[in-house]
Amino acid sequence: MSKLNYVLIGVLLAVIVGLGAYIYQEKTKPKGLELRIDGNGLSIQNN
């Protein structure tokens, strides 16, 4: 295999892992209201 094939396989694996992490994060996000207090003040978000 040429180096280009290894690079393409690496990029595809990185995309798959990144997409999997994003989906996992979205599915495990708590439902309901999210209250956040930080330097910008108070923010309320409905999930």
PDB file of N, CA and C in Angstrom:
ATOM      1  N   MET A   1       0.844  -1.185   0.000  1.00  0.00           N
ATOM      2  CA  MET A   1       0.000   0.000   0.000  1.00  0.00           C
ATOM      3  C   MET A   1       0.886   1.244   0.000  1.00  0.00           C
ATOM      4  N   SER A   2       0.417   2.257  -0.654  1.00  0.00           N
ATOM      5  CA  SER A   2       1.195   3.489  -0.688  1.00  0.00           C
ATOM      6  C   SER A   2       0.899   4.331   0.553  1.00  0.00           C
ATOM      7  N   LYS A   3       1.704   5.342   0.749  1.00  0.00           N
ATOM      8  CA  LYS A   3       1.518   6.224   1.904  1.00  0.00           C
ATOM      9  C   LYS A   3       0.177   6.938   1.847  1.00  0.00           C
ATOM     10  N   LEU A   4      -0.286   7.244   0.643  1.00  0.00           N
ATOM     11  CA  LEU A   4      -1.573   7.924   0.497  1.00  0.00           C
ATOM     12  C   LEU A   4      -2.713   7.067   1.038  1.00  0.00           C
ATOM     13  N   ASN A   5      -2.653   5.774   0.808  1.00  0.00           N
ATOM     14  CA  ASN A   5      -3.691   4.885   1.334  1.00  0.00           C
ATOM     15  C   ASN A   5      -3.693   4.881   2.858  1.00  0.00           C
ATOM     16  N   TYR A   6      -2.524   4.867   3.474  1.00  0.00           N
ATOM     17  CA  TYR A   6      -2.442   4.918   4.930  1.00  0.00           C
ATOM     18  C   TYR A   6      -3.008   6.230   5.467  1.00  0.00           C
ATOM     19  N   VAL A   7      -2.724   7.320   4.784  1.00  0.00           N
ATOM     20  CA  VAL A   7      -3.247   8.622   5.204  1.00  0.00           C
ATOM     21  C   VAL A   7      -4.767   8.635   5.099  1.00  0.00           C
ATOM     22  N   LEU A   8      -5.306   8.125   4.008  1.00  0.00           N
ATOM     23  CA  LEU A   8      -6.760   8.093   3.833  1.00  0.00           C
ATOM     24  C   LEU A   8      -7.436   7.230   4.892  1.00  0.00           C
ATOM     25  N   ILE A   9      -6.851   6.088   5.192  1.00  0.00           N
ATOM     26  CA  ILE A   9      -7.404   5.215   6.230  1.00  0.00           C
ATOM     27  C   ILE A   9      -7.351   5.914   7.586  1.00  0.00           C
ATOM     28  N   GLY A  10      -6.260   6.602   7.873  1.00  0.00           N
ATOM     29  CA  GLY A  10      -6.144   7.336   9.133  1.00  0.00           C
ATOM     30  C   GLY A  10      -7.174   8.439   9.255  1.00  0.00           C
ATOM     31  N   VAL A  11      -7.394   9.171   8.167  1.00  0.00           N
ATOM     32  CA  VAL A  11      -8.393  10.244   8.185  1.00  0.00           C
ATOM     33  C   VAL A  11      -9.791   9.667   8.382  1.00  0.00           C
ATOM     34  N   LEU A  12     -10.103   8.588   7.693  1.00  0.00           N
ATOM     35  CA  LEU A  12     -11.414   7.960   7.856  1.00  0.00           C
ATOM     36  C   LEU A  12     -11.632   7.471   9.287  1.00  0.00           C
ATOM     37  N   LEU A  13     -10.615   6.868   9.873  1.00  0.00           N
ATOM     38  CA  LEU A  13     -10.735   6.414  11.258  1.00  0.00           C
ATOM     39  C   LEU A  13     -10.940   7.584  12.212  1.00  0.00           C
ATOM     40  N   ALA A  14     -10.226   8.687  11.985  1.00  0.00           N
ATOM     41  CA  ALA A  14     -10.379   9.863  12.840  1.00  0.00           C
ATOM     42  C   ALA A  14     -11.793  10.435  12.738  1.00  0.00           C
ATOM     43  N   VAL A  15     -12.345  10.458  11.529  1.00  0.00           N
ATOM     44  CA  VAL A  15     -13.711  10.959  11.343  1.00  0.00           C
ATOM     45  C   VAL A  15     -14.715  10.050  12.045  1.00  0.00           C
ATOM     46  N   ILE A  16     -14.532   8.748  11.925  1.00  0.00           N
ATOM     47  CA  ILE A  16     -15.447   7.799  12.561  1.00  0.00           C
ATOM     48  C   ILE A  16     -15.389   7.929  14.080  1.00  0.00           C
ATOM     49  N   VAL A  17     -14.203   8.028  14.642  1.00  0.00           N
ATOM     50  CA  VAL A  17     -14.061   8.174  16.093  1.00  0.00           C
ATOM     51  C   VAL A  17     -14.663   9.498  16.554  1.00  0.00           C
ATOM     52  N   GLY A  18     -14.398  10.571  15.823  1.00  0.00           N
ATOM     53  CA  GLY A  18     -14.950  11.876  16.188  1.00  0.00           C
ATOM     54  C   GLY A  18     -16.465  11.892  16.132  1.00  0.00           C
ATOM     55  N   LEU A  19     -17.034  11.303  15.098  1.00  0.00           N
ATOM     56  CA  LEU A  19     -18.485  11.241  14.972  1.00  0.00           C
ATOM     57  C   LEU A  19     -19.091  10.385  16.084  1.00  0.00           C
ATOM     58  N   GLY A  20     -18.452   9.290  16.409  1.00  0.00           N
ATOM     59  CA  GLY A  20     -18.932   8.446  17.500  1.00  0.00           C
ATOM     60  C   GLY A  20     -18.911   9.169  18.833  1.00  0.00           C
ATOM     61  N   ALA A  21     -17.856   9.928  19.094  1.00  0.00           N
ATOM     62  CA  ALA A  21     -17.771  10.691  20.340  1.00  0.00           C
ATOM     63  C   ALA A  21     -18.855  11.756  20.396  1.00  0.00           C
ATOM     64  N   TYR A  22     -19.116  12.417  19.274  1.00  0.00           N
ATOM     65  CA  TYR A  22     -20.159  13.447  19.225  1.00  0.00           C
ATOM     66  C   TYR A  22     -21.537  12.842  19.495  1.00  0.00           C
ATOM     67  N   ILE A  23     -21.828  11.715  18.861  1.00  0.00           N
ATOM     68  CA  ILE A  23     -23.128  11.065  19.053  1.00  0.00           C
ATOM     69  C   ILE A  23     -23.279  10.599  20.496  1.00  0.00           C
ATOM     70  N   TYR A  24     -22.229  10.033  21.071  1.00  0.00           N
ATOM     71  CA  TYR A  24     -22.279   9.590  22.467  1.00  0.00           C
ATOM     72  C   TYR A  24     -22.556  10.767  23.392  1.00  0.00           C
ATOM     73  N   GLN A  25     -21.887  11.890  23.153  1.00  0.00           N
ATOM     74  CA  GLN A  25     -22.077  13.079  23.985  1.00  0.00           C
ATOM     75  C   GLN A  25     -23.516  13.589  23.877  1.00  0.00           C
ATOM     76  N   GLU A  26     -24.073  13.597  22.687  1.00  0.00           N
ATOM     77  CA  GLU A  26     -25.443  14.076  22.498  1.00  0.00           C
ATOM     78  C   GLU A  26     -26.462  13.144  23.153  1.00  0.00           C
ATOM     79  N   LYS A  27     -26.215  11.846  23.112  1.00  0.00           N
ATOM     80  CA  LYS A  27     -27.166  10.897  23.690  1.00  0.00           C
ATOM     81  C   LYS A  27     -27.100  10.870  25.210  1.00  0.00           C
ATOM     82  N   THR A  28     -25.952  11.198  25.797  1.00  0.00           N
ATOM     83  CA  THR A  28     -25.822  11.159  27.248  1.00  0.00           C
ATOM     84  C   THR A  28     -26.065  12.515  27.890  1.00  0.00           C
ATOM     85  N   LYS A  29     -26.440  13.512  27.090  1.00  0.00           N
ATOM     86  CA  LYS A  29     -26.726  14.842  27.624  1.00  0.00           C
ATOM     87  C   LYS A  29     -27.987  14.763  28.477  1.00  0.00           C
ATOM     88  N   PRO A  30     -27.967  15.343  29.675  1.00  0.00           N
ATOM     89  CA  PRO A  30     -29.154  15.274  30.527  1.00  0.00           C
ATOM     90  C   PRO A  30     -30.322  16.058  29.924  1.00  0.00           C
ATOM     91  N   LYS A  31     -31.528  15.550  30.143  1.00  0.00           N
ATOM     92  CA  LYS A  31     -32.737  16.208  29.648  1.00  0.00           C
ATOM     93  C   LYS A  31     -33.205  17.242  30.668  1.00  0.00           C
ATOM     94  N   GLY A  32     -33.872  18.272  30.197  1.00  0.00           N
ATOM     95  CA  GLY A  32     -34.432  19.286  31.080  1.00  0.00           C
ATOM     96  C   GLY A  32     -33.700  20.606  30.956  1.00  0.00           C
ATOM     97  N   LEU A  33     -33.732  21.374  32.029  1.00  0.00           N
ATOM     98  CA  LEU A  33     -33.093  22.682  32.043  1.00  0.00           C
ATOM     99  C   LEU A  33     -31.627  22.571  32.432  1.00  0.00           C
ATOM    100  N   GLU A  34     -30.825  23.400  31.806  1.00  0.00           N
ATOM    101  CA  GLU A  34     -29.405  23.481  32.149  1.00  0.00           C
ATOM    102  C   GLU A  34     -29.125  24.905  32.613  1.00  0.00           C
ATOM    103  N   LEU A  35     -28.679  25.058  33.850  1.00  0.00           N
ATOM    104  CA  LEU A  35     -28.313  26.353  34.404  1.00  0.00           C
ATOM    105  C   LEU A  35     -26.801  26.457  34.427  1.00  0.00           C
ATOM    106  N   ARG A  36     -26.291  27.565  33.912  1.00  0.00           N
ATOM    107  CA  ARG A  36     -24.846  27.746  33.872  1.00  0.00           C
ATOM    108  C   ARG A  36     -24.511  29.142  34.388  1.00  0.00           C
ATOM    109  N   ILE A  37     -23.588  29.200  35.340  1.00  0.00           N
ATOM    110  CA  ILE A  37     -23.105  30.475  35.862  1.00  0.00           C
ATOM    111  C   ILE A  37     -21.618  30.549  35.551  1.00  0.00           C
ATOM    112  N   ASP A  38     -21.233  31.569  34.783  1.00  0.00           N
ATOM    113  CA  ASP A  38     -19.829  31.739  34.426  1.00  0.00           C
ATOM    114  C   ASP A  38     -19.521  33.226  34.348  1.00  0.00           C
ATOM    115  N   GLY A  39     -18.433  33.557  33.718  1.00  0.00           N
ATOM    116  CA  GLY A  39     -18.012  34.948  33.614  1.00  0.00           C
ATOM    117  C   GLY A  39     -18.987  35.826  32.848  1.00  0.00           C
ATOM    118  N   ASN A  40     -19.819  35.223  32.015  1.00  0.00           N
ATOM    119  CA  ASN A  40     -20.808  35.978  31.240  1.00  0.00           C
ATOM    120  C   ASN A  40     -22.125  36.153  31.981  1.00  0.00           C
ATOM    121  N   GLY A  41     -22.223  35.617  33.172  1.00  0.00           N
ATOM    122  CA  GLY A  41     -23.453  35.721  33.950  1.00  0.00           C
ATOM    123  C   GLY A  41     -24.183  34.392  34.005  1.00  0.00           C
ATOM    124  N   LEU A  42     -25.494  34.481  34.121  1.00  0.00           N
ATOM    125  CA  LEU A  42     -26.351  33.310  34.249  1.00  0.00           C
ATOM    126  C   LEU A  42     -26.978  32.996  32.900  1.00  0.00           C
ATOM    127  N   SER A  43     -26.920  31.740  32.491  1.00  0.00           N
ATOM    128  CA  SER A  43     -27.603  31.331  31.264  1.00  0.00           C
ATOM    129  C   SER A  43     -28.455  30.102  31.565  1.00  0.00           C
ATOM    130  N   ILE A  44     -29.646  30.099  30.995  1.00  0.00           N
ATOM    131  CA  ILE A  44     -30.596  29.000  31.165  1.00  0.00           C
ATOM    132  C   ILE A  44     -30.882  28.432  29.788  1.00  0.00           C
ATOM    133  N   GLN A  45     -30.736  27.125  29.668  1.00  0.00           N
ATOM    134  CA  GLN A  45     -30.931  26.480  28.373  1.00  0.00           C
ATOM    135  C   GLN A  45     -31.858  25.290  28.554  1.00  0.00           C
ATOM    136  N   ASN A  46     -32.831  25.166  27.661  1.00  0.00           N
ATOM    137  CA  ASN A  46     -33.756  24.036  27.690  1.00  0.00           C
ATOM    138  C   ASN A  46     -33.240  22.961  26.749  1.00  0.00           C
ATOM    139  N   ASN A  47     -32.949  21.772  27.275  1.00  0.00           N
ATOM    140  CA  ASN A  47     -32.425  20.679  26.446  1.00  0.00           C
ATOM    141  C   ASN A  47     -33.552  19.839  25.936  1.00  0.00           C
TER     142      ASN A  47
END
